[in-house]
């Protein structure tokens, strides 16, 4: 009985703290005013858990606090969501659309949208992948690829390469007399450039990450 009295005192003190009257609580819980009054006086020996939970909700407290099982009126938020990972900090980079011939890659006319990118991805711009030529490295049609702008990359690196006025994503292999842009899909042949054709090719930057949509 003593425990019921203590629970009743907590109900009353919290109700008064919130500026609520007995009728307010009774209406929230769906019981008579006299029932709430009896709870507060500790005159109901067996308090049904659904009613306690309803009173706790109306009073914005933890049911365990009302039942004197804890001194913490509200449980810490992390106690029920310890498995959640906080969202990373982000910064903005442009998503490049069609590349205008002769204009710098980051020129305003090339920008399709502005993207929020996690800070751990160090990129200058992004491209939307078209086609399935890079599915061997899990980059699919529609994926967003993050590019760090640089005029050259190491052999074997995946890079965004401008050919005339369009960009493609391929592995780059450099040789003394030729440049090979290799897809990551055996259904496609490598693109090979030699002699004067090399003047048509310009490395835009190295691919440093990508994001995919879940179908």
C-alpha atoms as a PDB file:
ATOM      1  CA  UNK A   1       0.000   0.000   0.000  1.00  0.00           C
ATOM      2  CA  UNK A   2       2.906   2.306   0.801  1.00  0.00           C
ATOM      3  CA  UNK A   3       4.104   1.994  -2.808  1.00  0.00           C
ATOM      4  CA  UNK A   4       0.677   3.032  -4.091  1.00  0.00           C
ATOM      5  CA  UNK A   5       0.806   6.103  -1.844  1.00  0.00           C
ATOM      6  CA  UNK A   6       4.203   7.075  -3.254  1.00  0.00           C
ATOM      7  CA  UNK A   7       2.915   6.549  -6.816  1.00  0.00           C
ATOM      8  CA  UNK A   8      -0.087   8.712  -5.999  1.00  0.00           C
ATOM      9  CA  UNK A   9       2.146  11.475  -4.676  1.00  0.00           C
ATOM     10  CA  UNK A  10       4.192  11.386  -7.905  1.00  0.00           C
ATOM     11  CA  UNK A  11       1.063  11.566 -10.027  1.00  0.00           C
ATOM     12  CA  UNK A  12      -0.220  14.544  -8.052  1.00  0.00           C
ATOM     13  CA  UNK A  13       3.091  16.436  -7.968  1.00  0.00           C
ATOM     14  CA  UNK A  14       3.700  15.986 -11.675  1.00  0.00           C
ATOM     15  CA  UNK A  15       0.100  16.939 -12.512  1.00  0.00           C
ATOM     16  CA  UNK A  16       0.395  20.139 -10.495  1.00  0.00           C
ATOM     17  CA  UNK A  17       3.806  20.854 -12.010  1.00  0.00           C
ATOM     18  CA  UNK A  18       2.192  20.752 -15.472  1.00  0.00           C
ATOM     19  CA  UNK A  19      -0.713  22.917 -14.322  1.00  0.00           C
ATOM     20  CA  UNK A  20      -3.259  20.163 -14.985  1.00  0.00           C
ATOM     21  CA  UNK A  21      -6.340  19.386 -12.911  1.00  0.00           C
ATOM     22  CA  UNK A  22      -7.875  16.021 -12.116  1.00  0.00           C
ATOM     23  CA  UNK A  23     -10.320  16.384 -15.000  1.00  0.00           C
ATOM     24  CA  UNK A  24      -7.499  16.917 -17.497  1.00  0.00           C
ATOM     25  CA  UNK A  25      -5.855  13.638 -16.523  1.00  0.00           C
ATOM     26  CA  UNK A  26      -9.156  11.770 -16.360  1.00  0.00           C
ATOM     27  CA  UNK A  27     -10.006  12.910 -19.888  1.00  0.00           C
ATOM     28  CA  UNK A  28      -6.588  11.871 -21.251  1.00  0.00           C
ATOM     29  CA  UNK A  29      -6.770   8.457 -19.598  1.00  0.00           C
ATOM     30  CA  UNK A  30     -10.467   7.798 -20.192  1.00  0.00           C
ATOM     31  CA  UNK A  31     -11.534   7.251 -16.587  1.00  0.00           C
ATOM     32  CA  UNK A  32     -13.643   9.102 -14.045  1.00  0.00           C
ATOM     33  CA  UNK A  33     -12.237  12.052 -12.114  1.00  0.00           C
ATOM     34  CA  UNK A  34     -12.874  10.140  -8.903  1.00  0.00           C
ATOM     35  CA  UNK A  35     -10.640   7.311 -10.162  1.00  0.00           C
ATOM     36  CA  UNK A  36      -7.688   9.663 -10.669  1.00  0.00           C
ATOM     37  CA  UNK A  37      -8.365  11.140  -7.248  1.00  0.00           C
ATOM     38  CA  UNK A  38      -8.249   7.668  -5.691  1.00  0.00           C
ATOM     39  CA  UNK A  39      -4.969   6.942  -7.508  1.00  0.00           C
ATOM     40  CA  UNK A  40      -3.459  10.092  -6.061  1.00  0.00           C
ATOM     41  CA  UNK A  41      -4.609   9.168  -2.555  1.00  0.00           C
ATOM     42  CA  UNK A  42      -3.182   5.652  -2.934  1.00  0.00           C
ATOM     43  CA  UNK A  43      -6.588   4.090  -2.323  1.00  0.00           C
ATOM     44  CA  UNK A  44      -6.512   1.695  -5.300  1.00  0.00           C
ATOM     45  CA  UNK A  45      -4.491  -1.340  -4.292  1.00  0.00           C
ATOM     46  CA  UNK A  46      -3.920  -2.912  -7.716  1.00  0.00           C
ATOM     47  CA  UNK A  47      -3.091  -0.373 -10.421  1.00  0.00           C
ATOM     48  CA  UNK A  48      -3.496  -1.795 -13.900  1.00  0.00           C
ATOM     49  CA  UNK A  49      -0.421  -1.330 -16.084  1.00  0.00           C
ATOM     50  CA  UNK A  50      -2.341   0.058 -19.133  1.00  0.00           C
ATOM     51  CA  UNK A  51      -3.816   2.760 -16.894  1.00  0.00           C
ATOM     52  CA  UNK A  52      -0.416   3.598 -15.399  1.00  0.00           C
ATOM     53  CA  UNK A  53       1.032   3.838 -18.933  1.00  0.00           C
ATOM     54  CA  UNK A  54      -1.824   6.134 -19.989  1.00  0.00           C
ATOM     55  CA  UNK A  55      -1.290   8.370 -16.937  1.00  0.00           C
ATOM     56  CA  UNK A  56       2.466   8.426 -17.601  1.00  0.00           C
ATOM     57  CA  UNK A  57       1.819   9.484 -21.207  1.00  0.00           C
ATOM     58  CA  UNK A  58      -0.509  12.283 -20.064  1.00  0.00           C
ATOM     59  CA  UNK A  59       2.099  13.437 -17.552  1.00  0.00           C
ATOM     60  CA  UNK A  60       4.994  13.022 -20.037  1.00  0.00           C
ATOM     61  CA  UNK A  61       6.990  10.757 -17.727  1.00  0.00           C
ATOM     62  CA  UNK A  62       8.402   7.245 -17.674  1.00  0.00           C
ATOM     63  CA  UNK A  63       5.854   4.708 -16.264  1.00  0.00           C
ATOM     64  CA  UNK A  64       8.718   3.214 -14.235  1.00  0.00           C
ATOM     65  CA  UNK A  65       9.105   6.565 -12.466  1.00  0.00           C
ATOM     66  CA  UNK A  66       5.431   6.620 -11.512  1.00  0.00           C
ATOM     67  CA  UNK A  67       5.769   3.093 -10.114  1.00  0.00           C
ATOM     68  CA  UNK A  68       8.815   4.213  -8.075  1.00  0.00           C
ATOM     69  CA  UNK A  69      11.043   1.777  -9.949  1.00  0.00           C
ATOM     70  CA  UNK A  70      13.424   4.593 -10.911  1.00  0.00           C
ATOM     71  CA  UNK A  71      14.169   8.125  -9.774  1.00  0.00           C
ATOM     72  CA  UNK A  72      14.609   9.247 -13.370  1.00  0.00           C
ATOM     73  CA  UNK A  73      11.420  10.978 -14.470  1.00  0.00           C
ATOM     74  CA  UNK A  74      12.320  10.608 -18.153  1.00  0.00           C
ATOM     75  CA  UNK A  75      14.651   7.863 -19.453  1.00  0.00           C
ATOM     76  CA  UNK A  76      17.769   8.979 -21.386  1.00  0.00           C
ATOM     77  CA  UNK A  77      17.051   9.105 -25.104  1.00  0.00           C
ATOM     78  CA  UNK A  78      20.026   6.870 -25.910  1.00  0.00           C
ATOM     79  CA  UNK A  79      18.724   4.039 -23.723  1.00  0.00           C
ATOM     80  CA  UNK A  80      16.371   2.860 -26.469  1.00  0.00           C
ATOM     81  CA  UNK A  81      18.325   3.860 -29.561  1.00  0.00           C
ATOM     82  CA  UNK A  82      21.919   2.934 -28.788  1.00  0.00           C
ATOM     83  CA  UNK A  83      22.172   1.210 -32.174  1.00  0.00           C
ATOM     84  CA  UNK A  84      21.579   4.405 -34.151  1.00  0.00           C
ATOM     85  CA  UNK A  85      24.555   6.070 -35.820  1.00  0.00           C
ATOM     86  CA  UNK A  86      24.406   9.885 -35.904  1.00  0.00           C
ATOM     87  CA  UNK A  87      24.259  11.474 -39.346  1.00  0.00           C
ATOM     88  CA  UNK A  88      27.649  12.687 -40.551  1.00  0.00           C
ATOM     89  CA  UNK A  89      28.445  16.341 -41.102  1.00  0.00           C
ATOM     90  CA  UNK A  90      28.198  17.331 -44.748  1.00  0.00           C
ATOM     91  CA  UNK A  91      29.341  19.945 -47.227  1.00  0.00           C
ATOM     92  CA  UNK A  92      28.075  20.879 -50.686  1.00  0.00           C
ATOM     93  CA  UNK A  93      29.448  20.023 -54.125  1.00  0.00           C
ATOM     94  CA  UNK A  94      27.906  20.495 -57.587  1.00  0.00           C
ATOM     95  CA  UNK A  95      26.402  17.657 -59.584  1.00  0.00           C
ATOM     96  CA  UNK A  96      27.642  18.139 -63.129  1.00  0.00           C
ATOM     97  CA  UNK A  97      25.296  17.513 -66.033  1.00  0.00           C
ATOM     98  CA  UNK A  98      26.259  17.822 -69.686  1.00  0.00           C
ATOM     99  CA  UNK A  99      29.712  19.307 -70.087  1.00  0.00           C
ATOM    100  CA  UNK A 100      29.796  22.297 -72.391  1.00  0.00           C
ATOM    101  CA  UNK A 101      32.639  22.128 -74.886  1.00  0.00           C
ATOM    102  CA  UNK A 102      35.471  24.486 -73.953  1.00  0.00           C
ATOM    103  CA  UNK A 103      34.025  25.608 -70.599  1.00  0.00           C
ATOM    104  CA  UNK A 104      35.643  24.747 -67.244  1.00  0.00           C
ATOM    105  CA  UNK A 105      34.184  21.644 -65.599  1.00  0.00           C
ATOM    106  CA  UNK A 106      32.722  23.628 -62.678  1.00  0.00           C
ATOM    107  CA  UNK A 107      31.267  26.421 -64.830  1.00  0.00           C
ATOM    108  CA  UNK A 108      27.749  27.400 -63.795  1.00  0.00           C
ATOM    109  CA  UNK A 109      26.208  26.172 -67.044  1.00  0.00           C
ATOM    110  CA  UNK A 110      27.454  22.659 -66.306  1.00  0.00           C
ATOM    111  CA  UNK A 111      25.898  22.430 -62.830  1.00  0.00           C
ATOM    112  CA  UNK A 112      22.726  20.361 -62.626  1.00  0.00           C
ATOM    113  CA  UNK A 113      22.210  20.416 -58.855  1.00  0.00           C
ATOM    114  CA  UNK A 114      23.942  20.909 -55.501  1.00  0.00           C
ATOM    115  CA  UNK A 115      24.522  17.818 -53.369  1.00  0.00           C
ATOM    116  CA  UNK A 116      25.168  17.324 -49.655  1.00  0.00           C
ATOM    117  CA  UNK A 117      28.219  15.067 -49.230  1.00  0.00           C
ATOM    118  CA  UNK A 118      29.608  13.501 -46.012  1.00  0.00           C
ATOM    119  CA  UNK A 119      32.764  15.295 -44.879  1.00  0.00           C
ATOM    120  CA  UNK A 120      34.905  12.159 -45.057  1.00  0.00           C
ATOM    121  CA  UNK A 121      34.478  12.080 -48.854  1.00  0.00           C
ATOM    122  CA  UNK A 122      36.924  14.614 -50.245  1.00  0.00           C
ATOM    123  CA  UNK A 123      35.446  15.546 -53.614  1.00  0.00           C
ATOM    124  CA  UNK A 124      35.048  18.654 -55.761  1.00  0.00           C
ATOM    125  CA  UNK A 125      32.076  17.631 -57.878  1.00  0.00           C
ATOM    126  CA  UNK A 126      29.842  14.683 -58.715  1.00  0.00           C
ATOM    127  CA  UNK A 127      28.627  12.971 -61.869  1.00  0.00           C
ATOM    128  CA  UNK A 128      25.578  10.788 -62.440  1.00  0.00           C
ATOM    129  CA  UNK A 129      26.596   7.471 -63.978  1.00  0.00           C
ATOM    130  CA  UNK A 130      24.835   6.415 -67.178  1.00  0.00           C
ATOM    131  CA  UNK A 131      24.807   2.847 -68.472  1.00  0.00           C
ATOM    132  CA  UNK A 132      26.281  -0.360 -67.076  1.00  0.00           C
ATOM    133  CA  UNK A 133      29.908  -0.204 -68.192  1.00  0.00           C
ATOM    134  CA  UNK A 134      31.179  -0.073 -64.570  1.00  0.00           C
ATOM    135  CA  UNK A 135      28.991  -2.684 -62.897  1.00  0.00           C
ATOM    136  CA  UNK A 136      32.087  -4.790 -62.172  1.00  0.00           C
ATOM    137  CA  UNK A 137      32.992  -2.260 -59.470  1.00  0.00           C
ATOM    138  CA  UNK A 138      29.352  -2.032 -58.319  1.00  0.00           C
ATOM    139  CA  UNK A 139      28.648   1.300 -60.002  1.00  0.00           C
ATOM    140  CA  UNK A 140      25.280   1.127 -61.730  1.00  0.00           C
ATOM    141  CA  UNK A 141      23.140   3.290 -63.956  1.00  0.00           C
ATOM    142  CA  UNK A 142      21.911   6.315 -62.009  1.00  0.00           C
ATOM    143  CA  UNK A 143      24.534   6.108 -59.259  1.00  0.00           C
ATOM    144  CA  UNK A 144      26.162   9.345 -58.125  1.00  0.00           C
ATOM    145  CA  UNK A 145      29.970   9.239 -58.351  1.00  0.00           C
ATOM    146  CA  UNK A 146      32.098  11.687 -56.355  1.00  0.00           C
ATOM    147  CA  UNK A 147      35.118  13.109 -58.164  1.00  0.00           C
ATOM    148  CA  UNK A 148      38.234  14.796 -56.762  1.00  0.00           C
ATOM    149  CA  UNK A 149      39.357  17.218 -59.438  1.00  0.00           C
ATOM    150  CA  UNK A 150      42.897  16.528 -60.725  1.00  0.00           C
ATOM    151  CA  UNK A 151      44.442  16.527 -64.215  1.00  0.00           C
ATOM    152  CA  UNK A 152      46.082  13.109 -63.886  1.00  0.00           C
ATOM    153  CA  UNK A 153      45.619   9.805 -62.042  1.00  0.00           C
ATOM    154  CA  UNK A 154      47.675   6.707 -61.361  1.00  0.00           C
ATOM    155  CA  UNK A 155      47.420   3.763 -63.742  1.00  0.00           C
ATOM    156  CA  UNK A 156      44.403   1.629 -62.962  1.00  0.00           C
ATOM    157  CA  UNK A 157      42.535   4.378 -61.138  1.00  0.00           C
ATOM    158  CA  UNK A 158      38.865   4.970 -61.888  1.00  0.00           C
ATOM    159  CA  UNK A 159      38.513   8.460 -63.269  1.00  0.00           C
ATOM    160  CA  UNK A 160      36.066  10.819 -64.865  1.00  0.00           C
ATOM    161  CA  UNK A 161      37.365  11.512 -68.342  1.00  0.00           C
ATOM    162  CA  UNK A 162      36.120  14.136 -70.759  1.00  0.00           C
ATOM    163  CA  UNK A 163      36.025  13.009 -74.381  1.00  0.00           C
ATOM    164  CA  UNK A 164      35.226  15.977 -76.604  1.00  0.00           C
ATOM    165  CA  UNK A 165      32.164  17.371 -74.747  1.00  0.00           C
ATOM    166  CA  UNK A 166      30.947  14.403 -72.700  1.00  0.00           C
ATOM    167  CA  UNK A 167      32.229  12.685 -69.561  1.00  0.00           C
ATOM    168  CA  UNK A 168      32.722   8.998 -69.013  1.00  0.00           C
ATOM    169  CA  UNK A 169      33.800   6.950 -66.008  1.00  0.00           C
ATOM    170  CA  UNK A 170      36.513   4.367 -66.735  1.00  0.00           C
ATOM    171  CA  UNK A 171      39.739   2.855 -65.432  1.00  0.00           C
ATOM    172  CA  UNK A 172      42.663   4.756 -66.907  1.00  0.00           C
ATOM    173  CA  UNK A 173      45.761   3.002 -68.291  1.00  0.00           C
ATOM    174  CA  UNK A 174      48.548   5.171 -69.711  1.00  0.00           C
ATOM    175  CA  UNK A 175      51.177   3.926 -72.148  1.00  0.00           C
ATOM    176  CA  UNK A 176      53.964   5.766 -74.004  1.00  0.00           C
ATOM    177  CA  UNK A 177      51.978   5.796 -77.264  1.00  0.00           C
ATOM    178  CA  UNK A 178      48.359   5.392 -76.195  1.00  0.00           C
ATOM    179  CA  UNK A 179      45.704   5.891 -73.529  1.00  0.00           C
ATOM    180  CA  UNK A 180      43.275   3.087 -72.678  1.00  0.00           C
ATOM    181  CA  UNK A 181      39.964   3.708 -70.933  1.00  0.00           C
ATOM    182  CA  UNK A 182      38.817   0.356 -69.638  1.00  0.00           C
ATOM    183  CA  UNK A 183      35.235  -0.489 -68.593  1.00  0.00           C
ATOM    184  CA  UNK A 184      34.449  -2.817 -65.695  1.00  0.00           C
ATOM    185  CA  UNK A 185      32.074  -4.931 -67.748  1.00  0.00           C
ATOM    186  CA  UNK A 186      33.271  -7.623 -70.207  1.00  0.00           C
ATOM    187  CA  UNK A 187      30.378  -6.759 -72.504  1.00  0.00           C
ATOM    188  CA  UNK A 188      32.201  -3.577 -73.491  1.00  0.00           C
ATOM    189  CA  UNK A 189      35.494  -3.087 -75.309  1.00  0.00           C
ATOM    190  CA  UNK A 190      38.159  -0.702 -73.944  1.00  0.00           C
ATOM    191  CA  UNK A 191      38.417   2.717 -75.569  1.00  0.00           C
ATOM    192  CA  UNK A 192      41.880   3.204 -77.042  1.00  0.00           C
ATOM    193  CA  UNK A 193      43.292   6.593 -78.073  1.00  0.00           C
ATOM    194  CA  UNK A 194      46.513   7.183 -79.964  1.00  0.00           C
ATOM    195  CA  UNK A 195      48.247   9.986 -81.840  1.00  0.00           C
ATOM    196  CA  UNK A 196      46.098  13.032 -82.468  1.00  0.00           C
ATOM    197  CA  UNK A 197      43.118  11.341 -80.792  1.00  0.00           C
ATOM    198  CA  UNK A 198      44.814  11.941 -77.443  1.00  0.00           C
ATOM    199  CA  UNK A 199      44.049  15.657 -77.751  1.00  0.00           C
ATOM    200  CA  UNK A 200      40.338  14.812 -77.489  1.00  0.00           C
ATOM    201  CA  UNK A 201      40.774  13.221 -74.061  1.00  0.00           C
ATOM    202  CA  UNK A 202      41.077  15.110 -70.780  1.00  0.00           C
ATOM    203  CA  UNK A 203      41.135  13.620 -67.281  1.00  0.00           C
ATOM    204  CA  UNK A 204      38.731  15.515 -65.048  1.00  0.00           C
ATOM    205  CA  UNK A 205      39.505  13.823 -61.757  1.00  0.00           C
ATOM    206  CA  UNK A 206      39.680  10.665 -59.695  1.00  0.00           C
ATOM    207  CA  UNK A 207      36.580   8.816 -58.476  1.00  0.00           C
ATOM    208  CA  UNK A 208      36.717   8.752 -54.668  1.00  0.00           C
ATOM    209  CA  UNK A 209      33.311   7.323 -53.812  1.00  0.00           C
ATOM    210  CA  UNK A 210      29.745   6.815 -54.973  1.00  0.00           C
ATOM    211  CA  UNK A 211      26.221   6.384 -53.689  1.00  0.00           C
ATOM    212  CA  UNK A 212      23.580   3.984 -54.989  1.00  0.00           C
ATOM    213  CA  UNK A 213      19.830   3.961 -54.701  1.00  0.00           C
ATOM    214  CA  UNK A 214      18.192   0.809 -53.347  1.00  0.00           C
ATOM    215  CA  UNK A 215      15.662  -0.589 -55.784  1.00  0.00           C
END
